[in-house]
N, C-alpha and C. Protein backbone atom coordinates (compact mmCIF):
# COMPACT_ATOMS: atom_id res chain seq x y z
N UNK A 1 15.05 -12.12 -32.33
CA UNK A 1 13.95 -12.39 -30.67
C UNK A 1 13.24 -13.42 -30.90
N UNK A 2 12.96 -14.13 -30.08
CA UNK A 2 12.11 -15.38 -30.00
C UNK A 2 10.60 -14.65 -30.04
N UNK A 3 9.70 -14.93 -30.39
CA UNK A 3 8.33 -14.51 -30.15
C UNK A 3 7.46 -15.93 -29.58
N UNK A 4 6.35 -15.41 -29.25
CA UNK A 4 5.55 -16.91 -28.91
C UNK A 4 3.93 -16.09 -29.06
N UNK A 5 2.99 -16.91 -29.89
CA UNK A 5 1.85 -16.43 -30.51
C UNK A 5 1.00 -16.91 -29.03
N UNK A 6 -0.19 -15.71 -29.46
CA UNK A 6 -1.49 -16.03 -28.17
C UNK A 6 -2.32 -15.84 -28.90
N UNK A 7 -3.67 -16.67 -28.47
CA UNK A 7 -4.68 -16.30 -29.21
C UNK A 7 -5.52 -15.79 -28.37
N UNK A 8 -6.55 -14.74 -29.23
CA UNK A 8 -7.63 -14.34 -28.32
C UNK A 8 -8.93 -14.59 -29.10
N UNK A 9 -9.73 -15.22 -28.60
CA UNK A 9 -11.19 -15.39 -29.70
C UNK A 9 -12.23 -13.82 -29.35
N UNK A 10 -12.71 -13.16 -30.51
CA UNK A 10 -13.44 -12.24 -30.19
C UNK A 10 -14.93 -12.54 -31.06
N UNK A 11 -16.12 -12.37 -30.50
CA UNK A 11 -17.03 -12.22 -31.64
C UNK A 11 -16.84 -11.93 -33.08
N UNK A 12 -17.36 -12.65 -34.23
CA UNK A 12 -16.80 -12.30 -35.23
C UNK A 12 -17.47 -11.21 -35.88
N UNK A 13 -18.19 -10.61 -35.12
CA UNK A 13 -18.61 -8.79 -35.94
C UNK A 13 -18.07 -7.77 -35.42
N UNK A 14 -17.02 -8.35 -34.22
CA UNK A 14 -16.67 -7.35 -33.59
C UNK A 14 -15.32 -6.19 -33.92
N UNK A 15 -14.82 -6.95 -35.31
CA UNK A 15 -14.18 -6.10 -36.70
C UNK A 15 -15.08 -4.85 -37.19
N UNK A 16 -15.98 -5.30 -37.40
CA UNK A 16 -17.43 -4.23 -38.43
C UNK A 16 -17.66 -3.42 -37.32
N UNK A 17 -17.62 -3.82 -35.96
CA UNK A 17 -18.36 -2.77 -34.91
C UNK A 17 -17.26 -1.75 -34.54
N UNK A 18 -15.69 -2.42 -34.74
CA UNK A 18 -15.10 -0.91 -34.35
C UNK A 18 -14.34 -0.76 -35.88
N UNK A 19 -14.51 -0.80 -36.78
CA UNK A 19 -14.77 -0.42 -37.92
C UNK A 19 -13.07 -0.26 -38.58
N UNK A 20 -12.11 -1.78 -37.71
CA UNK A 20 -10.99 -1.92 -38.18
C UNK A 20 -10.89 -3.23 -38.48
N UNK A 21 -9.77 -3.00 -39.00
CA UNK A 21 -8.82 -4.29 -40.20
C UNK A 21 -8.28 -5.36 -38.61
N UNK A 22 -8.05 -6.55 -39.02
CA UNK A 22 -7.61 -7.48 -38.09
C UNK A 22 -5.71 -6.74 -37.55
N UNK A 23 -5.21 -6.59 -38.41
CA UNK A 23 -4.17 -5.95 -38.02
C UNK A 23 -3.98 -4.24 -36.98
N UNK A 24 -4.60 -3.55 -37.34
CA UNK A 24 -5.09 -2.35 -36.55
C UNK A 24 -5.53 -2.52 -35.59
N UNK A 25 -6.32 -3.72 -35.37
CA UNK A 25 -6.66 -3.94 -34.11
C UNK A 25 -5.93 -4.89 -33.16
N UNK A 26 -5.26 -5.84 -34.02
CA UNK A 26 -3.70 -6.46 -33.26
C UNK A 26 -3.08 -5.61 -32.54
N UNK A 27 -2.34 -4.31 -33.83
CA UNK A 27 -1.67 -3.53 -33.15
C UNK A 27 -2.50 -2.46 -31.88
N UNK A 28 -3.21 -2.19 -32.02
CA UNK A 28 -4.03 -1.17 -30.80
C UNK A 28 -3.95 -2.13 -29.74
N UNK A 29 -4.08 -3.57 -29.43
CA UNK A 29 -4.35 -4.54 -28.51
C UNK A 29 -2.80 -4.58 -27.71
N UNK A 30 -1.76 -4.54 -28.61
CA UNK A 30 -0.19 -4.91 -28.37
C UNK A 30 0.10 -3.55 -27.79
N UNK A 31 -0.50 -2.51 -28.07
CA UNK A 31 0.49 -0.94 -27.20
C UNK A 31 -0.16 -0.92 -25.91
N UNK A 32 -1.82 -1.26 -25.88
CA UNK A 32 -2.51 -0.83 -24.75
C UNK A 32 -2.32 -2.46 -23.81
N UNK A 33 -2.11 -3.43 -24.42
CA UNK A 33 -0.96 -4.31 -22.82
C UNK A 33 -0.11 -3.79 -22.81
N UNK A 34 0.71 -2.92 -23.46
CA UNK A 34 2.54 -2.76 -23.11
C UNK A 34 2.42 -1.43 -22.45
N UNK A 35 1.14 -0.32 -22.66
CA UNK A 35 1.12 0.65 -21.46
C UNK A 35 0.58 -0.04 -20.51
N UNK A 36 -0.56 -0.54 -20.53
CA UNK A 36 -0.92 -1.71 -19.11
C UNK A 36 0.61 -1.88 -17.93
N UNK A 37 0.75 -3.13 -19.00
CA UNK A 37 2.02 -3.63 -17.99
C UNK A 37 2.96 -3.03 -17.64
N UNK A 38 3.68 -1.82 -18.41
CA UNK A 38 4.65 -0.86 -17.75
C UNK A 38 4.04 0.19 -16.51
N UNK A 39 2.45 0.56 -16.92
CA UNK A 39 2.29 1.12 -15.97
C UNK A 39 1.91 0.65 -14.81
N UNK A 40 1.98 -0.57 -14.29
CA UNK A 40 1.66 -1.58 -13.02
C UNK A 40 3.14 -1.63 -13.09
N UNK A 41 4.15 -1.55 -13.43
CA UNK A 41 5.85 -1.93 -13.32
C UNK A 41 5.87 -2.99 -13.27
N UNK A 42 5.31 -3.96 -14.21
CA UNK A 42 5.62 -5.39 -14.70
C UNK A 42 6.63 -5.29 -15.67
N UNK A 43 6.64 -4.35 -16.51
CA UNK A 43 7.73 -4.36 -17.72
C UNK A 43 8.79 -3.10 -17.36
N UNK A 44 9.66 -3.17 -17.96
CA UNK A 44 10.69 -1.91 -18.04
C UNK A 44 10.20 -1.50 -19.46
N UNK A 45 10.30 0.01 -19.64
CA UNK A 45 10.22 0.78 -20.53
C UNK A 45 10.86 -0.02 -21.80
N UNK A 46 11.69 -0.55 -21.85
CA UNK A 46 12.43 -1.33 -22.80
C UNK A 46 11.54 -2.35 -23.51
N UNK A 47 10.97 -3.23 -22.79
CA UNK A 47 10.27 -4.81 -22.55
C UNK A 47 8.99 -3.71 -23.25
N UNK A 48 8.48 -2.78 -22.60
CA UNK A 48 6.95 -2.62 -22.83
C UNK A 48 7.25 -2.35 -24.51
N UNK A 49 8.10 -1.90 -25.02
CA UNK A 49 8.17 -0.76 -26.21
C UNK A 49 8.36 -2.60 -26.91
N UNK A 50 9.10 -3.38 -26.85
CA UNK A 50 9.03 -4.69 -27.65
C UNK A 50 7.69 -5.20 -27.59
N UNK A 51 6.86 -5.35 -26.49
CA UNK A 51 5.43 -6.14 -26.33
C UNK A 51 5.03 -5.23 -28.09
N UNK A 52 4.84 -3.90 -27.57
CA UNK A 52 4.03 -3.14 -28.64
C UNK A 52 4.24 -2.85 -29.81
N UNK A 53 5.28 -3.58 -30.09
CA UNK A 53 6.03 -3.16 -31.25
C UNK A 53 6.58 -2.10 -31.83
N UNK A 54 6.22 -1.70 -31.24
CA UNK A 54 7.26 -0.04 -31.32
C UNK A 54 8.69 0.23 -30.99
N UNK A 55 9.42 1.06 -31.66
CA UNK A 55 10.72 1.14 -31.29
C UNK A 55 10.50 1.97 -30.03
N UNK A 56 11.40 2.01 -29.38
CA UNK A 56 11.83 2.62 -28.17
C UNK A 56 11.13 4.34 -28.24
N UNK A 57 11.89 4.65 -29.15
CA UNK A 57 11.48 5.82 -29.18
C UNK A 57 9.92 6.33 -29.81
N UNK A 58 9.60 5.50 -30.62
CA UNK A 58 7.84 5.20 -30.74
C UNK A 58 7.25 5.08 -29.68
N UNK A 59 7.30 4.31 -28.56
CA UNK A 59 6.79 3.82 -27.47
C UNK A 59 6.67 5.34 -26.52
N UNK A 60 7.99 5.77 -26.21
CA UNK A 60 8.06 6.61 -25.47
C UNK A 60 7.43 8.14 -25.89
N UNK A 61 7.18 8.20 -27.10
CA UNK A 61 6.43 9.10 -27.82
C UNK A 61 5.06 9.27 -27.45
N UNK A 62 4.33 7.75 -27.91
CA UNK A 62 3.38 7.41 -27.69
C UNK A 62 2.56 7.70 -25.98
N UNK A 63 3.57 7.18 -25.24
CA UNK A 63 3.30 7.55 -23.64
C UNK A 63 3.02 8.95 -23.48
N UNK A 64 4.07 10.02 -23.82
CA UNK A 64 4.08 11.34 -23.90
C UNK A 64 2.96 11.55 -24.44
N UNK A 65 2.21 11.52 -25.24
CA UNK A 65 1.29 11.99 -26.15
C UNK A 65 -0.01 11.89 -25.25
N UNK A 66 0.13 10.62 -24.91
CA UNK A 66 -0.94 10.51 -23.71
C UNK A 66 -0.82 10.44 -22.23
N UNK A 67 0.14 11.62 -22.23
CA UNK A 67 0.13 11.88 -20.48
C UNK A 67 0.72 10.76 -19.49
N UNK A 68 1.12 10.23 -19.96
CA UNK A 68 1.48 8.90 -19.46
C UNK A 68 3.42 8.78 -18.88
N UNK A 69 3.54 9.02 -17.92
CA UNK A 69 5.24 9.65 -17.62
C UNK A 69 6.00 8.60 -18.09
N UNK A 70 6.99 8.86 -18.74
CA UNK A 70 8.65 8.00 -18.80
C UNK A 70 9.00 7.28 -18.17
N UNK A 71 9.37 7.68 -16.74
CA UNK A 71 9.88 7.64 -15.65
C UNK A 71 9.33 6.87 -14.44
N UNK A 72 9.28 6.20 -13.94
CA UNK A 72 8.84 5.64 -12.48
C UNK A 72 9.27 5.70 -11.28
N UNK A 73 10.45 6.67 -11.42
CA UNK A 73 11.22 7.24 -10.55
C UNK A 73 10.18 7.81 -9.54
N UNK A 74 10.42 7.90 -8.56
CA UNK A 74 9.61 8.76 -7.16
C UNK A 74 10.55 9.36 -6.97
N UNK A 75 9.87 10.81 -5.79
CA UNK A 75 10.97 11.73 -5.14
C UNK A 75 11.65 11.09 -4.41
N UNK A 76 11.22 10.31 -3.84
CA UNK A 76 11.84 9.50 -2.69
C UNK A 76 13.47 8.79 -3.31
N UNK A 77 13.30 8.51 -4.53
CA UNK A 77 14.16 7.66 -5.89
C UNK A 77 15.22 8.83 -5.66
N UNK A 78 14.66 9.65 -6.58
CA UNK A 78 15.34 10.90 -6.82
C UNK A 78 16.37 11.11 -5.40
N UNK A 79 16.19 11.69 -4.32
CA UNK A 79 16.73 12.30 -3.12
C UNK A 79 17.50 11.36 -2.79
N UNK A 80 16.94 9.74 -2.61
CA UNK A 80 17.84 8.73 -2.46
C UNK A 80 19.53 8.62 -3.28
N UNK A 81 19.26 8.80 -4.42
CA UNK A 81 20.24 8.88 -5.34
C UNK A 81 21.12 10.43 -5.38
N UNK A 82 20.66 10.95 -4.82
CA UNK A 82 21.17 12.17 -4.74
C UNK A 82 22.25 12.20 -3.08
N UNK A 83 21.62 11.45 -2.27
CA UNK A 83 22.10 10.98 -0.63
C UNK A 83 23.62 10.10 -1.37
N UNK A 84 23.27 9.16 -2.28
CA UNK A 84 24.36 8.44 -2.44
C UNK A 84 25.41 9.19 -3.33
N UNK A 85 25.37 10.12 -3.81
CA UNK A 85 26.24 10.70 -5.08
C UNK A 85 27.39 11.95 -3.78
N UNK A 86 26.70 12.28 -2.27
CA UNK A 86 27.10 13.14 -2.08
C UNK A 86 28.60 12.20 -0.87
């Protein structure tokens, strides 16, 4: 998988204020971005898992633990699929 690097500037004391290492903050930012893009419907759950740096199972588990639906299907979507199957 090809990757792209994006730099974000933070105040120099942010890691100290958060009491986190750079790698911990980077991981948290990636997961937060992935969740936000998934919830907004910008990314599929698989692509969001890739952005987060987690396996799909781990990403779905994270969503579940944080009460975020792992499916974006609406009631109308399900009923439409049922009508198609008839």
